[in-house]
C-alpha atoms as a PDB file:
ATOM      1  CA  VAL A   1      29.807 -17.823  17.600  1.00  0.00           C
ATOM      2  CA  SER A   2      28.770 -17.438  20.913  1.00  0.00           C
ATOM      3  CA  MET A   3      27.725 -14.020  22.762  1.00  0.00           C
ATOM      4  CA  SER A   4      29.817 -12.221  26.192  1.00  0.00           C
ATOM      5  CA  GLY A   5      26.754 -11.719  28.548  1.00  0.00           C
ATOM      6  CA  SER A   6      26.169  -7.963  28.574  1.00  0.00           C
ATOM      7  CA  GLN A   7      25.509  -9.042  24.095  1.00  0.00           C
ATOM      8  CA  ASN A   8      23.218 -11.268  25.692  1.00  0.00           C
ATOM      9  CA  ARG A   9      20.843  -9.492  27.365  1.00  0.00           C
ATOM     10  CA  VAL A  10      20.644  -7.050  24.420  1.00  0.00           C
ATOM     11  CA  ALA A  11      19.369  -9.752  22.917  1.00  0.00           C
ATOM     12  CA  SER A  12      17.179 -10.538  24.638  1.00  0.00           C
ATOM     13  CA  GLN A  13      16.046  -7.016  25.589  1.00  0.00           C
ATOM     14  CA  VAL A  14      15.193  -7.080  21.683  1.00  0.00           C
ATOM     15  CA  MET A  15      13.096 -10.679  20.764  1.00  0.00           C
ATOM     16  CA  ALA A  16      10.740  -9.561  23.639  1.00  0.00           C
ATOM     17  CA  THR A  17       9.154  -6.433  21.700  1.00  0.00           C
ATOM     18  CA  ASN A  18       8.330  -9.154  19.821  1.00  0.00           C
ATOM     19  CA  PRO A  19       5.454  -9.477  21.331  1.00  0.00           C
ATOM     20  CA  LEU A  20       4.315  -5.593  22.487  1.00  0.00           C
ATOM     21  CA  LEU A  21       5.227  -4.398  18.736  1.00  0.00           C
ATOM     22  CA  GLU A  22       2.607  -7.482  17.239  1.00  0.00           C
ATOM     23  CA  ALA A  23       0.265  -5.766  19.323  1.00  0.00           C
ATOM     24  CA  PHE A  24      -0.406  -2.317  18.173  1.00  0.00           C
ATOM     25  CA  GLY A  25       1.110  -4.031  13.832  1.00  0.00           C
ATOM     26  CA  ASN A  26      -1.613  -7.514  13.770  1.00  0.00           C
ATOM     27  CA  ALA A  27      -4.640  -8.030  12.660  1.00  0.00           C
ATOM     28  CA  ARG A  28      -7.550 -10.630  12.310  1.00  0.00           C
ATOM     29  CA  THR A  29      -8.216 -10.462   8.156  1.00  0.00           C
ATOM     30  CA  SER A  30      -9.975 -12.885   6.437  1.00  0.00           C
ATOM     31  CA  ARG A  31      -7.120 -14.670   5.517  1.00  0.00           C
ATOM     32  CA  ASN A  32      -5.164 -15.039   9.019  1.00  0.00           C
ATOM     33  CA  ASN A  33      -6.210 -14.733  12.514  1.00  0.00           C
ATOM     34  CA  ASN A  34      -2.789 -12.733  13.472  1.00  0.00           C
ATOM     35  CA  SER A  35      -1.878 -11.056  10.537  1.00  0.00           C
ATOM     36  CA  SER A  36       1.174  -7.935  10.382  1.00  0.00           C
ATOM     37  CA  ARG A  37      -0.086  -5.506   9.252  1.00  0.00           C
ATOM     38  CA  PHE A  38       3.396  -4.090   9.372  1.00  0.00           C
ATOM     39  CA  GLY A  39       7.592  -3.559   8.637  1.00  0.00           C
ATOM     40  CA  LYS A  40       9.821  -3.113  11.547  1.00  0.00           C
ATOM     41  CA  PHE A  41      13.833  -2.160  10.946  1.00  0.00           C
ATOM     42  CA  ILE A  42      16.332  -3.677  12.903  1.00  0.00           C
ATOM     43  CA  GLU A  43      19.545  -1.411  13.978  1.00  0.00           C
ATOM     44  CA  ILE A  44      22.783  -3.560  15.733  1.00  0.00           C
ATOM     45  CA  GLN A  45      24.850  -0.960  17.690  1.00  0.00           C
ATOM     46  CA  PHE A  46      28.307  -2.437  17.898  1.00  0.00           C
ATOM     47  CA  ASP A  47      30.488  -0.633  20.686  1.00  0.00           C
ATOM     48  CA  SER A  48      34.639   0.046  19.635  1.00  0.00           C
ATOM     49  CA  GLN A  49      34.988  -3.890  20.629  1.00  0.00           C
ATOM     50  CA  ARG A  50      32.527  -5.048  18.205  1.00  0.00           C
ATOM     51  CA  ARG A  51      30.337  -6.031  20.472  1.00  0.00           C
ATOM     52  CA  MET A  52      26.485  -6.274  20.313  1.00  0.00           C
ATOM     53  CA  SER A  53      25.590  -3.076  22.786  1.00  0.00           C
ATOM     54  CA  GLY A  54      21.974  -1.865  21.795  1.00  0.00           C
ATOM     55  CA  ALA A  55      19.391  -1.766  19.127  1.00  0.00           C
ATOM     56  CA  ARG A  56      16.995   0.838  17.808  1.00  0.00           C
ATOM     57  CA  ILE A  57      13.543  -0.984  16.205  1.00  0.00           C
ATOM     58  CA  HIS A  58      12.267   1.177  13.276  1.00  0.00           C
ATOM     59  CA  ILE A  59       8.312   0.651  12.812  1.00  0.00           C
ATOM     60  CA  TYR A  60       6.808   1.706   9.337  1.00  0.00           C
ATOM     61  CA  LEU A  61       2.595   0.736  10.259  1.00  0.00           C
ATOM     62  CA  LEU A  62       0.879  -0.352   6.785  1.00  0.00           C
ATOM     63  CA  GLU A  63      -2.696  -0.603   7.018  1.00  0.00           C
ATOM     64  CA  LYS A  64      -3.218   2.804   8.188  1.00  0.00           C
ATOM     65  CA  SER A  65      -6.321   3.043   7.000  1.00  0.00           C
ATOM     66  CA  ARG A  66      -8.309  -0.398   9.091  1.00  0.00           C
ATOM     67  CA  VAL A  67      -7.355   2.860  12.456  1.00  0.00           C
ATOM     68  CA  VAL A  68     -10.663   3.402  11.186  1.00  0.00           C
ATOM     69  CA  GLN A  69     -11.903   0.450   9.414  1.00  0.00           C
ATOM     70  CA  GLN A  70     -11.913  -3.063   9.068  1.00  0.00           C
ATOM     71  CA  ALA A  71     -13.643  -5.150   6.291  1.00  0.00           C
ATOM     72  CA  SER A  72     -16.632  -7.115   7.062  1.00  0.00           C
ATOM     73  CA  GLY A  73     -15.139  -9.997   9.442  1.00  0.00           C
ATOM     74  CA  GLU A  74     -11.551  -8.405   9.819  1.00  0.00           C
ATOM     75  CA  ARG A  75     -10.306  -6.935  13.459  1.00  0.00           C
ATOM     76  CA  ASN A  76      -8.394  -4.381  14.093  1.00  0.00           C
ATOM     77  CA  TYR A  77      -5.199  -4.077  15.567  1.00  0.00           C
ATOM     78  CA  HIS A  78      -5.294  -6.504  18.954  1.00  0.00           C
ATOM     79  CA  VAL A  79      -4.153  -3.889  20.771  1.00  0.00           C
ATOM     80  CA  PHE A  80      -6.948  -1.769  21.217  1.00  0.00           C
ATOM     81  CA  TYR A  81      -9.142  -5.198  22.013  1.00  0.00           C
ATOM     82  CA  GLN A  82      -6.438  -6.286  24.897  1.00  0.00           C
ATOM     83  CA  LEU A  83      -6.198  -2.732  26.433  1.00  0.00           C
ATOM     84  CA  LEU A  84     -10.370  -2.512  26.193  1.00  0.00           C
ATOM     85  CA  ARG A  85     -10.670  -5.850  27.492  1.00  0.00           C
ATOM     86  CA  GLY A  86      -8.727  -4.880  30.740  1.00  0.00           C
ATOM     87  CA  LEU A  87     -10.116  -1.429  31.282  1.00  0.00           C
ATOM     88  CA  SER A  88     -11.988  -2.088  34.666  1.00  0.00           C
ATOM     89  CA  ALA A  89     -14.088   0.382  35.784  1.00  0.00           C
ATOM     90  CA  GLU A  90     -12.286   3.370  37.276  1.00  0.00           C
ATOM     91  CA  ASP A  91      -9.782   2.904  34.241  1.00  0.00           C
ATOM     92  CA  CYS A  92     -13.041   4.175  31.303  1.00  0.00           C
ATOM     93  CA  ALA A  93     -14.534   6.627  33.425  1.00  0.00           C
ATOM     94  CA  ALA A  94     -10.504   7.669  33.799  1.00  0.00           C
ATOM     95  CA  SER A  95      -9.870   7.542  30.128  1.00  0.00           C
ATOM     96  CA  TYR A  96     -13.627   9.360  29.254  1.00  0.00           C
ATOM     97  CA  LEU A  97     -15.381   6.586  27.595  1.00  0.00           C
ATOM     98  CA  ASP A  98     -18.512   5.850  28.989  1.00  0.00           C
ATOM     99  CA  VAL A  99     -19.712   2.422  27.519  1.00  0.00           C
ATOM    100  CA  LEU A 100     -17.928  -0.796  28.848  1.00  0.00           C
ATOM    101  CA  GLU A 101     -18.973  -3.208  25.605  1.00  0.00           C
ATOM    102  CA  MET A 102     -16.513  -3.068  23.307  1.00  0.00           C
ATOM    103  CA  GLU A 103     -19.668  -3.919  21.433  1.00  0.00           C
ATOM    104  CA  GLN A 104     -20.821  -0.566  21.648  1.00  0.00           C
ATOM    105  CA  LEU A 105     -17.585   1.820  20.257  1.00  0.00           C
ATOM    106  CA  ARG A 106     -16.813   2.143  16.248  1.00  0.00           C
ATOM    107  CA  LEU A 107     -13.220   1.235  16.838  1.00  0.00           C
ATOM    108  CA  VAL A 108     -13.338  -2.198  17.459  1.00  0.00           C
ATOM    109  CA  ASN A 109     -17.296  -3.283  16.517  1.00  0.00           C
ATOM    110  CA  GLN A 110     -17.035  -2.462  13.057  1.00  0.00           C
ATOM    111  CA  SER A 111     -16.697  -5.867  11.250  1.00  0.00           C
ATOM    112  CA  GLY A 112     -18.774  -7.787  13.678  1.00  0.00           C
ATOM    113  CA  CYS A 113     -15.955  -9.264  15.652  1.00  0.00           C
ATOM    114  CA  THR A 114     -14.906  -7.942  18.583  1.00  0.00           C
ATOM    115  CA  THR A 115     -13.496 -11.413  20.946  1.00  0.00           C
ATOM    116  CA  ILE A 116      -9.611 -11.509  21.724  1.00  0.00           C
END
């Protein structure tokens, strides 16, 4: 089955969301460094000629407790580590963060593993 240019563009855009969604929904667990802790449902939309015209992604966070507490050797969601690691001193000040070291932040330091 071949897709027209606009259908291929929509499909590419939907697939390009995966790395971003995984940063928000994946975390390190005791069994897996990149374990999915969320579910997603992708609703594909079609036009009147039955061509793919868009998509809508529904996200279901399955493990909300991980945000506030992590077991030893496990980590919070990847996005917290990625955002914090990328902050400059100016960004920290603008975000009301008075520390630059992730090891000092309870959100990400409970398990003792703060490396990305």
